[in-house]
Amino acid sequence: MPYQTDLPLIVQSDRSILLEVGGSAYAAARDAVSPFCELLKSPEHVHTYRITSLSVWNAAAAGMGAGEMVDALERYSRFPLPTNVKRDISDLHARYGRLRLEPREGAETASFALVSEEEDLLSLVTNSPLSRDMVGERAADGALPVEAQYRGEIKRALIKLGWPVEDVGGYVEGGPLDFHLRDTTPDGQPFTIRDYQHEAVEVFYRDGSALGGSGVIVLPCGAGKTIVGLGAMARIGRKTLILTTNHTAVAQWRNELLTKTDLGPDDIGEYTGLVKEVRPVTVTTYQILTWRRRKTDPFIHFELFSKNDWGLVIYDEVHLLPAPVFRVTADLQATRRLGLTATLVREDGHEEDVFTLIGPKRYDLPWKVLERKGWIAEALCREVRVPMDPDLKRRYALVGARARFRLAAENRDKQSVLDTLLEKHPDDKILVIGQYLDQLDKVARALDAPIITGRTPMPARLELYGRFRDGDLNVLVVSKVGNFAVDLPEASVLIQISGTFGSRQEEAQRLGRVLRPKADGRRALFYSLVSDESVEQDFAQHRQLFLTEQGYAYEILDADALHNGKTSL
């Protein structure tokens, strides 16, 4: 069998792909396959991808053709492609859109119709227990009536059967919202939407047609996803509900709206635990929406979705969308929906729900592309391996897997590594972030640094963030509340002392905290402290998958070499 040893891909018949790292074509091959493949693991020398149905459908929805996918594989494949892989890509790609949900004009009993040119597909819908109760009797033209209440659920059911529905049912207009983006912010700084942000808005909007209006925009942290949201709001011009992660994010969205648009304070409402304002633009949190007194009680704040004539719902950090919100989102299919995220990775396996209920991925820009253009900071990732002392090793050997992870994560010798890193970065603004509050409290006391956790009142959080921005603080300790929605462009070093097991999304969010471009052009540094020869090291490899896919490599450092000055930083 002919093959070319200088090409980095090995494509196998089970749809797995091996990509050799280090060759001259590695980066180009990685960028070529990432849009339609999922990275499974990324050890030092060979990375493993898999072509999945959802990865192909997301690429198809974003406009990538099956031929482009096959061409990308053939261009970098060492061996001829297995014939079944070509066929699988073609077949999977062809499934997208063969079932369509269309508006049903003049219908008395149903607002929509499920249509297809293939009788077998419609029979599948009427015969499957997953979908048959959501459709009516076959119409004279062969279409299957679908009541509005089932518009989301029928899509969820059919993707489980392997048939992603293209929804062109259209949207309600929503109440008008007349505003414009500013050319200059109130403090005199020029403001303009960047070319890629404008492109993302237009891809989402699709000239106002039913082909657009729902979907997910994927951009790195620090690349201005909020600006894309503002651009979409201005393009649509309708009342908007914004769902985000926490009170800090609510405050930041409000600030962006006031400084980047001509909306006034009376146009913007905050719906949180402290205040319940419903205005033409309303910003709330996932936490308040999913609050209830007891697990058996209803979600009393879900009424917010029907409290105003919304024309657009923005889901900030959509990869964190709680499962209960999917339920109400299924009923919001007549409203335009925009998801914003740095990664579509969900640790709970709900990627299909995002695809069907929010919409497919509409726009994705690799992190390294934005880094090369200077829109995000150049970043260097380092994993520091910290030995466990004999006492810790003994305790580690005697406990179960979950307890082992925590023991390794709270390895007290990480403190000395942290001290050394701070000594080596005296001129940087440093964030120290971790998972466990006891560990973070000890670290904050040892460093004599302030700490922000979920217990910190919002005014105190904002005051500490402000002191960090103004230069009054150089080191700030934060819990997982700092994973997202913390706008600290001055932060240039992040030191992760513990994390949430193997969470890829958390790793990406944490790197994102230091990716905003620095005024002096310095690069961002991301350190992850990991106990050597422990389960924490195994989880770290999984955490790093998404960032590896984006082109970041982790330099492995030895703690002892770091202490002894044998490692140059």
Protein backbone atom coordinates (compact mmCIF):
# COMPACT_ATOMS: atom_id res chain seq x y z
CA MET A 1 0.00 0.00 0.00
CA PRO A 2 1.53 3.37 -0.98
CA TYR A 3 2.01 5.89 1.77
CA GLN A 4 3.85 9.14 2.51
CA THR A 5 5.88 9.13 5.70
CA ASP A 6 6.02 12.92 5.96
CA LEU A 7 2.25 13.32 6.36
CA PRO A 8 0.94 13.40 9.97
CA LEU A 9 -2.55 11.81 9.80
CA ILE A 10 -3.49 8.16 10.05
CA VAL A 11 -7.22 7.74 9.38
CA GLN A 12 -8.65 4.40 10.51
CA SER A 13 -11.78 2.55 9.49
CA ASP A 14 -13.45 3.02 12.90
CA ARG A 15 -13.44 6.78 12.19
CA SER A 16 -10.62 7.42 14.65
CA ILE A 17 -7.77 9.62 13.49
CA LEU A 18 -4.20 9.61 14.77
CA LEU A 19 -2.30 12.86 14.40
CA GLU A 20 1.46 12.89 14.94
CA VAL A 21 2.74 15.95 16.75
CA GLY A 22 5.92 17.79 15.86
CA GLY A 23 6.14 17.53 12.09
CA SER A 24 6.00 20.56 9.81
CA ALA A 25 2.43 19.77 8.73
CA TYR A 26 1.07 19.11 12.23
CA ALA A 27 -0.51 22.53 12.87
CA ALA A 28 -2.10 22.73 9.41
CA ALA A 29 -3.52 19.21 9.74
CA ARG A 30 -4.89 19.97 13.22
CA ASP A 31 -6.64 23.11 11.99
CA ALA A 32 -8.02 21.24 8.97
CA VAL A 33 -9.67 18.40 10.90
CA SER A 34 -10.76 20.21 14.09
CA PRO A 35 -13.94 21.69 12.55
CA PHE A 36 -15.49 18.26 11.97
CA CYS A 37 -13.70 15.95 14.42
CA GLU A 38 -13.67 15.57 18.20
CA LEU A 39 -10.36 15.33 20.06
CA LEU A 40 -10.37 12.32 22.41
CA LYS A 41 -6.87 12.38 23.93
CA SER A 42 -3.64 14.27 23.51
CA PRO A 43 -0.50 12.70 24.97
CA GLU A 44 2.88 14.04 23.92
CA HIS A 45 3.42 12.53 20.48
CA VAL A 46 0.16 11.27 18.95
CA HIS A 47 -3.26 12.87 19.36
CA THR A 48 -6.45 10.89 18.78
CA TYR A 49 -9.57 12.33 17.13
CA ARG A 50 -12.88 10.76 16.21
CA ILE A 51 -15.38 11.69 13.53
CA THR A 52 -18.80 11.72 15.22
CA SER A 53 -22.27 12.36 13.91
CA LEU A 54 -22.60 15.57 15.92
CA SER A 55 -19.19 16.89 14.87
CA VAL A 56 -20.15 16.39 11.21
CA TRP A 57 -23.61 17.94 11.66
CA ASN A 58 -22.20 21.01 13.39
CA ALA A 59 -19.73 21.45 10.54
CA ALA A 60 -22.53 20.96 8.01
CA ALA A 61 -24.70 23.58 9.72
CA ALA A 62 -21.76 25.98 9.61
CA GLY A 63 -21.55 25.50 5.84
CA MET A 64 -18.75 22.94 5.51
CA GLY A 65 -19.32 20.41 2.76
CA ALA A 66 -18.67 16.67 2.94
CA GLY A 67 -16.17 17.04 0.10
CA GLU A 68 -14.22 19.62 2.10
CA MET A 69 -14.00 17.19 5.02
CA VAL A 70 -12.75 14.35 2.83
CA ASP A 71 -10.29 16.66 1.07
CA ALA A 72 -8.85 17.77 4.43
CA LEU A 73 -8.27 14.15 5.44
CA GLU A 74 -6.76 13.17 2.10
CA ARG A 75 -4.45 16.17 2.05
CA TYR A 76 -2.71 15.13 5.28
CA SER A 77 -3.29 11.36 5.44
CA ARG A 78 -0.25 9.10 5.29
CA PHE A 79 -2.28 6.20 3.92
CA PRO A 80 -5.22 6.15 1.51
CA LEU A 81 -8.49 6.85 3.31
CA PRO A 82 -10.57 3.81 4.18
CA THR A 83 -13.50 3.78 1.78
CA ASN A 84 -16.03 3.44 4.59
CA VAL A 85 -14.81 6.69 6.19
CA LYS A 86 -15.49 8.62 2.99
CA ARG A 87 -18.90 7.03 2.79
CA ASP A 88 -19.64 7.64 6.48
CA ILE A 89 -18.82 11.34 6.18
CA SER A 90 -20.97 11.64 3.08
CA ASP A 91 -23.88 9.77 4.68
CA LEU A 92 -23.73 11.68 7.96
CA HIS A 93 -23.48 15.01 6.20
CA ALA A 94 -26.43 14.13 3.97
CA ARG A 95 -28.65 13.44 6.99
CA TYR A 96 -28.66 17.10 8.01
CA GLY A 97 -31.72 18.83 6.60
CA ARG A 98 -33.48 15.87 5.00
CA LEU A 99 -36.18 16.42 7.58
CA ARG A 100 -37.32 20.03 7.74
CA LEU A 101 -39.66 21.82 10.10
CA GLU A 102 -41.59 24.45 8.17
CA PRO A 103 -44.36 26.91 9.01
CA ARG A 104 -47.83 25.61 8.17
CA GLU A 105 -49.90 28.35 6.59
CA GLY A 106 -53.60 28.55 7.40
CA ALA A 107 -53.54 25.53 9.71
CA GLU A 108 -56.30 25.26 12.28
CA THR A 109 -54.73 22.67 14.56
CA ALA A 110 -50.96 22.93 14.13
CA SER A 111 -48.51 25.75 13.44
CA PHE A 112 -45.76 23.70 11.79
CA ALA A 113 -45.21 20.75 9.54
CA LEU A 114 -42.43 18.19 9.38
CA VAL A 115 -41.64 17.61 5.72
CA SER A 116 -39.34 15.38 3.72
CA GLU A 117 -39.10 14.16 0.16
CA GLU A 118 -38.51 10.66 1.51
CA GLU A 119 -41.50 8.59 2.54
CA ASP A 120 -39.34 6.26 4.65
CA LEU A 121 -38.21 9.13 6.86
CA LEU A 122 -41.75 10.30 7.53
CA SER A 123 -42.75 6.73 8.32
CA LEU A 124 -39.88 6.55 10.80
CA VAL A 125 -41.29 9.62 12.56
CA THR A 126 -44.82 8.21 12.76
CA ASN A 127 -43.69 4.77 13.92
CA SER A 128 -40.99 5.60 16.48
CA PRO A 129 -42.18 5.78 20.10
CA LEU A 130 -39.81 8.73 20.54
CA SER A 131 -41.65 10.93 18.03
CA ARG A 132 -45.01 9.51 17.00
CA ASP A 133 -47.03 11.24 19.75
CA MET A 134 -45.72 14.67 18.70
CA VAL A 135 -47.09 14.63 15.16
CA GLY A 136 -50.64 14.69 13.81
CA GLU A 137 -52.32 12.77 11.03
CA ARG A 138 -50.57 12.92 7.68
CA ALA A 139 -51.82 15.86 5.61
CA ALA A 140 -52.89 15.57 1.98
CA ASP A 141 -49.48 16.82 0.83
CA GLY A 142 -47.75 14.18 2.96
CA ALA A 143 -46.51 16.58 5.65
CA LEU A 144 -46.77 15.75 9.35
CA PRO A 145 -48.45 18.49 11.44
CA VAL A 146 -46.52 19.53 14.57
CA GLU A 147 -48.10 21.68 17.25
CA ALA A 148 -46.02 24.64 18.48
CA GLN A 149 -45.57 23.09 21.93
CA TYR A 150 -43.65 20.18 20.39
CA ARG A 151 -41.35 22.24 18.14
CA GLY A 152 -38.34 21.73 20.41
CA GLU A 153 -39.13 18.22 21.61
CA ILE A 154 -39.60 16.78 18.12
CA LYS A 155 -36.09 17.97 17.23
CA ARG A 156 -34.67 16.41 20.39
CA ALA A 157 -36.39 13.12 19.63
CA LEU A 158 -35.29 12.93 16.01
CA ILE A 159 -31.63 13.69 16.64
CA LYS A 160 -31.63 10.71 19.00
CA LEU A 161 -32.86 8.68 16.03
CA GLY A 162 -29.96 9.99 13.98
CA TRP A 163 -31.88 12.58 11.95
CA PRO A 164 -31.10 16.22 12.77
CA VAL A 165 -33.97 18.46 11.74
CA GLU A 166 -33.40 21.73 9.92
CA ASP A 167 -35.82 24.17 11.53
CA VAL A 168 -36.99 26.91 9.14
CA GLY A 169 -40.23 27.53 11.02
CA GLY A 170 -39.45 31.21 11.58
CA TYR A 171 -39.78 33.38 14.66
CA VAL A 172 -42.10 35.80 16.40
CA GLU A 173 -40.91 39.36 15.96
CA GLY A 174 -40.96 40.39 19.61
CA GLY A 175 -41.33 43.91 20.94
CA PRO A 176 -39.27 46.62 19.20
CA LEU A 177 -35.97 47.80 20.68
CA ASP A 178 -34.56 50.84 18.92
CA PHE A 179 -30.90 51.46 19.72
CA HIS A 180 -27.51 51.78 18.03
CA LEU A 181 -23.94 50.80 18.76
CA ARG A 182 -21.74 53.74 19.73
CA ASP A 183 -18.72 54.96 17.76
CA THR A 184 -17.14 56.34 20.93
CA THR A 185 -17.54 55.16 24.51
CA PRO A 186 -18.47 57.65 27.27
CA ASP A 187 -14.81 57.91 28.32
CA GLY A 188 -13.80 58.99 24.81
CA GLN A 189 -12.40 55.67 23.56
CA PRO A 190 -13.19 54.73 19.94
CA PHE A 191 -15.36 51.65 19.55
CA THR A 192 -15.98 49.57 16.47
CA ILE A 193 -17.08 45.99 16.00
CA ARG A 194 -14.20 43.82 14.71
CA ASP A 195 -14.38 42.09 11.35
CA TYR A 196 -14.78 38.58 12.79
CA GLN A 197 -17.41 39.79 15.28
CA HIS A 198 -19.37 41.39 12.41
CA GLU A 199 -19.03 38.17 10.40
CA ALA A 200 -20.35 36.12 13.33
CA VAL A 201 -23.36 38.44 13.67
CA GLU A 202 -24.19 38.20 9.96
CA VAL A 203 -23.82 34.41 9.91
CA PHE A 204 -26.25 34.21 12.83
CA TYR A 205 -28.71 36.75 11.40
CA ARG A 206 -28.78 35.44 7.79
CA ASP A 207 -30.56 38.60 6.55
CA GLY A 208 -33.39 37.98 9.02
CA SER A 209 -34.50 34.81 7.25
CA ALA A 210 -35.71 31.62 8.93
CA LEU A 211 -32.37 30.05 7.98
CA GLY A 212 -30.72 32.14 10.70
CA GLY A 213 -31.85 33.38 14.07
CA SER A 214 -30.78 30.39 16.16
CA GLY A 215 -27.40 28.88 16.86
CA VAL A 216 -24.11 29.12 18.72
CA ILE A 217 -21.12 31.39 18.18
CA VAL A 218 -17.83 29.90 19.43
CA LEU A 219 -15.03 32.38 20.19
CA PRO A 220 -12.18 32.32 22.71
CA CYS A 221 -12.41 34.07 26.05
CA GLY A 222 -11.23 37.63 25.59
CA ALA A 223 -12.27 37.76 21.92
CA GLY A 224 -15.41 39.79 22.58
CA LYS A 225 -18.34 37.37 22.61
CA THR A 226 -20.36 40.02 24.44
CA ILE A 227 -19.79 42.41 21.52
CA VAL A 228 -21.17 39.75 19.18
CA GLY A 229 -24.24 39.65 21.42
CA LEU A 230 -24.62 43.42 21.23
CA GLY A 231 -24.20 43.29 17.46
CA ALA A 232 -26.92 40.64 17.16
CA MET A 233 -29.24 42.72 19.35
CA ALA A 234 -28.69 45.78 17.18
CA ARG A 235 -29.19 43.75 13.99
CA ILE A 236 -32.46 42.25 15.20
CA GLY A 237 -33.75 45.33 17.02
CA ARG A 238 -36.08 43.50 19.40
CA LYS A 239 -36.52 43.16 23.16
CA THR A 240 -33.84 40.87 24.54
CA LEU A 241 -33.47 38.53 27.50
CA ILE A 242 -29.84 37.74 28.44
CA LEU A 243 -29.04 34.67 30.56
CA THR A 244 -25.60 34.51 32.10
CA THR A 245 -23.55 32.81 34.78
CA ASN A 246 -23.44 35.01 37.89
CA HIS A 247 -23.92 38.48 39.36
CA THR A 248 -20.52 39.63 38.14
CA ALA A 249 -21.51 38.74 34.59
CA VAL A 250 -24.80 40.61 35.01
CA ALA A 251 -22.88 43.73 36.04
CA GLN A 252 -20.47 43.35 33.12
CA TRP A 253 -23.26 42.91 30.57
CA ARG A 254 -24.97 46.00 31.95
CA ASN A 255 -21.73 47.98 31.73
CA GLU A 256 -21.13 46.86 28.14
CA LEU A 257 -24.67 47.82 27.18
CA LEU A 258 -24.31 51.28 28.72
CA THR A 259 -20.84 52.01 27.30
CA LYS A 260 -21.12 50.40 23.85
CA THR A 261 -24.73 51.28 22.95
CA ASP A 262 -27.01 54.30 23.30
CA LEU A 263 -29.37 52.42 25.62
CA GLY A 264 -30.01 54.21 28.90
CA PRO A 265 -30.16 52.84 32.46
CA ASP A 266 -33.97 52.71 32.34
CA ASP A 267 -33.83 50.41 29.30
CA ILE A 268 -31.82 47.71 31.10
CA GLY A 269 -33.24 45.56 33.90
CA GLU A 270 -31.46 43.23 36.30
CA TYR A 271 -33.37 40.14 37.44
CA THR A 272 -31.36 38.64 40.30
CA GLY A 273 -31.76 37.64 43.91
CA LEU A 274 -31.46 41.30 44.90
CA VAL A 275 -33.72 43.00 42.37
CA LYS A 276 -36.44 41.88 39.95
CA GLU A 277 -36.56 44.36 37.07
CA VAL A 278 -38.10 43.39 33.73
CA ARG A 279 -37.25 45.94 31.04
CA PRO A 280 -36.72 45.95 27.24
CA VAL A 281 -33.28 44.43 27.87
CA THR A 282 -33.22 42.18 30.94
CA VAL A 283 -30.14 40.38 32.28
CA THR A 284 -30.50 37.44 34.65
CA THR A 285 -28.54 34.40 35.83
CA TYR A 286 -28.99 30.68 35.35
CA GLN A 287 -28.86 30.38 39.13
CA ILE A 288 -31.92 32.54 39.76
CA LEU A 289 -33.88 30.84 36.99
CA THR A 290 -33.27 27.39 38.47
CA TRP A 291 -33.90 28.41 42.08
CA ARG A 292 -36.73 26.73 43.98
CA ARG A 293 -37.41 26.15 47.65
CA ARG A 294 -37.55 22.36 47.42
CA LYS A 295 -36.67 19.86 44.71
CA THR A 296 -40.34 19.03 44.26
CA ASP A 297 -41.40 22.68 43.84
CA PRO A 298 -41.78 24.40 40.45
CA PHE A 299 -39.15 26.82 39.15
CA ILE A 300 -40.99 30.01 40.05
CA HIS A 301 -38.75 32.32 38.01
CA PHE A 302 -39.37 30.50 34.72
CA GLU A 303 -42.24 32.94 34.25
CA LEU A 304 -39.59 35.49 33.26
CA PHE A 305 -39.49 33.84 29.83
CA SER A 306 -43.11 34.86 29.25
CA LYS A 307 -43.07 38.18 31.14
CA ASN A 308 -42.15 40.25 28.12
CA ASP A 309 -42.44 40.13 24.38
CA TRP A 310 -38.90 38.86 23.79
CA GLY A 311 -37.57 38.84 20.25
CA LEU A 312 -34.16 37.43 21.20
CA VAL A 313 -32.79 35.28 24.04
CA ILE A 314 -29.00 35.28 24.51
CA TYR A 315 -27.47 32.33 26.38
CA ASP A 316 -24.07 33.49 27.62
CA GLU A 317 -21.59 30.68 28.32
CA VAL A 318 -24.10 28.29 26.76
CA HIS A 319 -21.89 25.29 27.57
CA LEU A 320 -22.94 25.84 31.22
CA LEU A 321 -26.68 25.94 30.50
CA PRO A 322 -28.35 23.97 33.34
CA ALA A 323 -30.46 20.99 32.34
CA PRO A 324 -33.71 22.48 33.77
CA VAL A 325 -33.36 25.49 31.45
CA PHE A 326 -33.35 23.12 28.47
CA ARG A 327 -36.93 22.28 29.40
CA VAL A 328 -38.18 25.83 29.13
CA THR A 329 -35.94 26.45 26.10
CA ALA A 330 -37.83 23.70 24.30
CA ASP A 331 -40.90 25.98 24.58
CA LEU A 332 -38.99 29.02 23.26
CA GLN A 333 -38.49 27.78 19.73
CA ALA A 334 -40.47 30.68 18.28
CA THR A 335 -37.97 33.15 19.76
CA ARG A 336 -34.58 33.83 18.21
CA ARG A 337 -31.85 32.18 20.30
CA LEU A 338 -28.14 33.00 20.39
CA GLY A 339 -25.64 30.89 22.34
CA LEU A 340 -22.21 32.33 23.14
CA THR A 341 -19.33 30.15 24.33
CA ALA A 342 -15.62 29.53 24.17
CA THR A 343 -16.20 25.79 23.84
CA LEU A 344 -19.14 23.58 22.94
CA VAL A 345 -17.74 20.90 25.25
CA ARG A 346 -20.25 19.87 27.92
CA GLU A 347 -19.21 17.43 30.61
CA ASP A 348 -22.82 16.23 31.07
CA GLY A 349 -23.27 14.99 27.50
CA HIS A 350 -25.97 17.52 26.57
CA GLU A 351 -24.28 18.68 23.35
CA GLU A 352 -27.22 17.32 21.33
CA ASP A 353 -29.63 19.45 23.38
CA VAL A 354 -27.62 22.57 22.61
CA PHE A 355 -27.67 21.62 18.92
CA THR A 356 -31.44 21.09 18.78
CA LEU A 357 -32.79 23.63 21.28
CA ILE A 358 -30.39 26.57 20.97
CA GLY A 359 -29.21 25.75 17.46
CA PRO A 360 -26.18 24.34 15.69
CA LYS A 361 -22.75 25.92 15.70
CA ARG A 362 -22.92 28.83 13.27
CA TYR A 363 -19.45 30.34 13.65
CA ASP A 364 -16.16 29.14 15.10
CA LEU A 365 -12.76 30.78 14.95
CA PRO A 366 -9.61 28.97 16.17
CA TRP A 367 -7.91 30.56 19.15
CA LYS A 368 -4.51 30.61 17.46
CA VAL A 369 -5.90 32.57 14.50
CA LEU A 370 -6.98 35.36 16.84
CA GLU A 371 -3.67 35.14 18.68
CA ARG A 372 -1.72 35.64 15.45
CA LYS A 373 -3.83 38.71 14.65
CA GLY A 374 -3.26 40.17 18.12
CA TRP A 375 -6.89 40.05 19.25
CA ILE A 376 -6.00 37.77 22.17
CA ALA A 377 -2.71 37.48 24.00
CA GLU A 378 -0.07 34.92 23.11
CA ALA A 379 -0.27 32.26 25.82
CA LEU A 380 2.14 29.70 27.21
CA CYS A 381 0.76 26.74 29.21
CA ARG A 382 2.88 24.93 31.79
CA GLU A 383 2.07 21.94 33.96
CA VAL A 384 4.19 21.77 37.11
CA ARG A 385 4.53 18.26 38.58
CA VAL A 386 4.64 18.45 42.39
CA PRO A 387 5.87 15.40 44.35
CA MET A 388 3.83 14.01 47.23
CA ASP A 389 5.69 13.60 50.53
CA PRO A 390 5.86 10.12 52.16
CA ASP A 391 3.04 10.82 54.61
CA LEU A 392 0.71 11.97 51.82
CA LYS A 393 1.64 8.94 49.72
CA ARG A 394 0.69 6.61 52.58
CA ARG A 395 -2.70 8.27 53.10
CA TYR A 396 -3.24 8.37 49.33
CA ALA A 397 -2.75 4.61 49.06
CA LEU A 398 -5.41 3.86 51.68
CA VAL A 399 -8.43 5.78 50.36
CA GLY A 400 -10.89 5.49 47.46
CA ALA A 401 -10.58 7.14 44.07
CA ARG A 402 -12.54 10.32 44.86
CA ALA A 403 -10.68 10.90 48.12
CA ARG A 404 -7.40 10.28 46.31
CA PHE A 405 -8.15 13.09 43.89
CA ARG A 406 -8.82 15.56 46.69
CA LEU A 407 -5.71 14.53 48.62
CA ALA A 408 -3.60 15.02 45.51
CA ALA A 409 -5.31 18.31 44.66
CA GLU A 410 -4.69 19.72 48.15
CA ASN A 411 -1.04 18.58 48.26
CA ARG A 412 0.46 21.05 50.75
CA ASP A 413 3.76 21.14 48.84
CA LYS A 414 1.98 23.10 46.12
CA GLN A 415 2.34 26.13 48.42
CA SER A 416 6.13 26.21 48.06
CA VAL A 417 5.78 25.94 44.26
CA LEU A 418 3.29 28.79 44.36
CA ASP A 419 5.74 30.89 46.38
CA THR A 420 8.52 30.21 43.88
CA LEU A 421 6.32 31.17 40.92
CA LEU A 422 5.33 34.44 42.56
CA GLU A 423 8.99 35.23 43.19
CA LYS A 424 9.76 34.60 39.52
CA HIS A 425 6.95 36.89 38.33
CA PRO A 426 7.32 40.00 40.49
CA ASP A 427 6.03 42.39 37.81
CA ASP A 428 2.94 40.42 36.76
CA LYS A 429 -0.67 40.62 37.84
CA ILE A 430 -1.40 37.12 39.14
CA LEU A 431 -4.63 35.19 39.68
CA VAL A 432 -4.47 32.08 41.89
CA ILE A 433 -7.48 29.84 41.31
CA GLY A 434 -8.64 26.57 42.81
CA GLN A 435 -11.51 24.27 43.64
CA TYR A 436 -11.42 23.71 47.41
CA LEU A 437 -12.23 26.52 49.82
CA ASP A 438 -10.10 25.20 52.70
CA GLN A 439 -7.10 25.05 50.40
CA LEU A 440 -7.78 28.53 49.02
CA ASP A 441 -8.18 30.03 52.51
CA LYS A 442 -4.79 28.61 53.53
CA VAL A 443 -3.18 29.92 50.35
CA ALA A 444 -4.67 33.39 50.80
CA ARG A 445 -3.38 33.56 54.39
CA ALA A 446 0.08 32.37 53.36
CA LEU A 447 0.28 34.95 50.57
CA ASP A 448 -1.45 37.68 52.61
CA ALA A 449 -3.69 38.14 49.58
CA PRO A 450 -7.44 38.82 49.38
CA ILE A 451 -9.75 35.98 48.37
CA ILE A 452 -13.00 35.92 46.40
CA THR A 453 -15.36 32.96 46.78
CA GLY A 454 -19.08 32.39 46.41
CA ARG A 455 -19.45 33.71 49.97
CA THR A 456 -17.97 37.10 49.06
CA PRO A 457 -20.72 39.76 48.78
CA MET A 458 -21.04 41.31 45.34
CA PRO A 459 -19.94 44.83 46.41
CA ALA A 460 -16.78 43.35 47.96
CA ARG A 461 -16.06 41.32 44.81
CA LEU A 462 -16.40 44.36 42.58
CA GLU A 463 -14.20 46.41 44.91
CA LEU A 464 -11.42 43.77 44.83
CA TYR A 465 -11.63 43.41 41.04
CA GLY A 466 -11.39 47.19 40.80
CA ARG A 467 -8.29 47.33 43.02
CA PHE A 468 -6.69 44.60 40.89
CA ARG A 469 -7.39 46.57 37.71
CA ASP A 470 -6.11 49.81 39.23
CA GLY A 471 -2.82 48.28 40.34
CA ASP A 472 -3.48 48.36 44.08
CA LEU A 473 -3.41 44.52 44.13
CA ASN A 474 -0.96 42.30 42.27
CA VAL A 475 -2.19 38.92 43.56
CA LEU A 476 -5.80 37.82 43.90
CA VAL A 477 -7.01 34.39 45.06
CA VAL A 478 -10.30 33.23 43.54
CA SER A 479 -12.46 30.13 43.78
CA LYS A 480 -14.32 28.63 40.83
CA VAL A 481 -16.47 31.79 40.71
CA GLY A 482 -13.50 33.16 38.78
CA ASN A 483 -13.86 30.56 36.02
CA PHE A 484 -15.92 32.95 33.93
CA ALA A 485 -17.22 36.50 33.58
CA VAL A 486 -14.22 38.13 35.24
CA ASP A 487 -13.01 41.01 33.08
CA LEU A 488 -9.44 41.58 34.26
CA PRO A 489 -7.39 42.48 31.18
CA GLU A 490 -4.36 43.31 33.35
CA ALA A 491 -4.03 39.69 34.58
CA SER A 492 -1.09 38.09 32.83
CA VAL A 493 -0.41 35.00 35.00
CA LEU A 494 -2.92 32.44 36.23
CA ILE A 495 -1.84 29.70 38.62
CA GLN A 496 -4.29 26.81 38.96
CA ILE A 497 -3.77 24.90 42.19
CA SER A 498 -6.77 22.57 41.83
CA GLY A 499 -9.71 21.99 39.54
CA THR A 500 -12.93 20.10 38.92
CA PHE A 501 -11.62 16.65 38.00
CA GLY A 502 -11.13 16.38 34.21
CA SER A 503 -13.23 19.35 33.12
CA ARG A 504 -12.11 20.51 29.66
CA GLN A 505 -14.47 23.48 29.74
CA GLU A 506 -13.06 24.69 33.05
CA GLU A 507 -9.49 24.51 31.74
CA ALA A 508 -10.46 26.61 28.73
CA GLN A 509 -12.35 29.13 30.85
CA ARG A 510 -9.45 29.53 33.23
CA LEU A 511 -6.91 30.14 30.49
CA GLY A 512 -9.39 32.67 29.11
CA ARG A 513 -9.04 34.78 32.25
CA VAL A 514 -5.57 35.91 31.08
CA LEU A 515 -6.09 36.03 27.30
CA ARG A 516 -7.07 39.67 26.92
CA PRO A 517 -4.26 41.54 25.10
CA LYS A 518 -1.86 43.33 27.44
CA ALA A 519 -1.09 47.02 27.01
CA ASP A 520 2.65 46.26 27.03
CA GLY A 521 2.30 43.26 24.68
CA ARG A 522 3.44 40.67 27.21
CA ARG A 523 2.26 37.11 26.81
CA ALA A 524 -0.10 35.28 29.12
CA LEU A 525 1.17 32.45 31.33
CA PHE A 526 -0.99 29.62 32.60
CA TYR A 527 0.45 27.32 35.28
CA SER A 528 -1.33 24.19 36.46
CA LEU A 529 0.07 22.58 39.63
CA VAL A 530 -0.46 18.82 39.54
CA SER A 531 0.59 16.16 42.06
CA ASP A 532 3.04 13.81 40.41
CA GLU A 533 2.17 10.11 40.00
CA SER A 534 -1.43 10.64 41.07
CA VAL A 535 -4.93 10.53 39.62
CA GLU A 536 -4.74 14.33 39.39
CA GLN A 537 -2.14 13.88 36.68
CA ASP A 538 -4.50 11.60 34.75
CA PHE A 539 -7.35 14.09 35.04
CA ALA A 540 -5.03 16.89 33.93
CA GLN A 541 -4.47 15.14 30.62
CA HIS A 542 -8.21 15.09 29.99
CA ARG A 543 -8.62 18.71 31.12
CA GLN A 544 -6.10 19.81 28.53
CA LEU A 545 -7.84 18.20 25.54
CA PHE A 546 -9.78 21.20 24.28
CA LEU A 547 -6.86 23.60 24.58
CA THR A 548 -4.60 21.09 22.84
CA GLU A 549 -7.13 20.99 20.01
CA GLN A 550 -6.83 24.78 19.79
CA GLY A 551 -3.07 24.52 19.35
CA TYR A 552 -1.78 25.02 22.89
CA ALA A 553 1.00 22.75 24.08
CA TYR A 554 1.72 22.14 27.77
CA GLU A 555 5.35 22.38 28.83
CA ILE A 556 5.96 19.92 31.68
CA LEU A 557 8.07 21.31 34.52
CA ASP A 558 9.51 19.53 37.54
CA ALA A 559 8.89 21.26 40.86
CA ASP A 560 12.37 20.49 42.22
CA ALA A 561 14.02 21.91 39.08
CA LEU A 562 11.84 25.00 39.44
CA HIS A 563 12.92 25.52 43.07
CA ASN A 564 16.60 25.01 42.20
CA GLY A 565 16.55 27.47 39.34
CA LYS A 566 17.24 24.78 36.75
CA THR A 567 14.12 25.71 34.79
CA SER A 568 14.02 28.99 32.92
CA LEU A 569 10.71 30.85 32.99
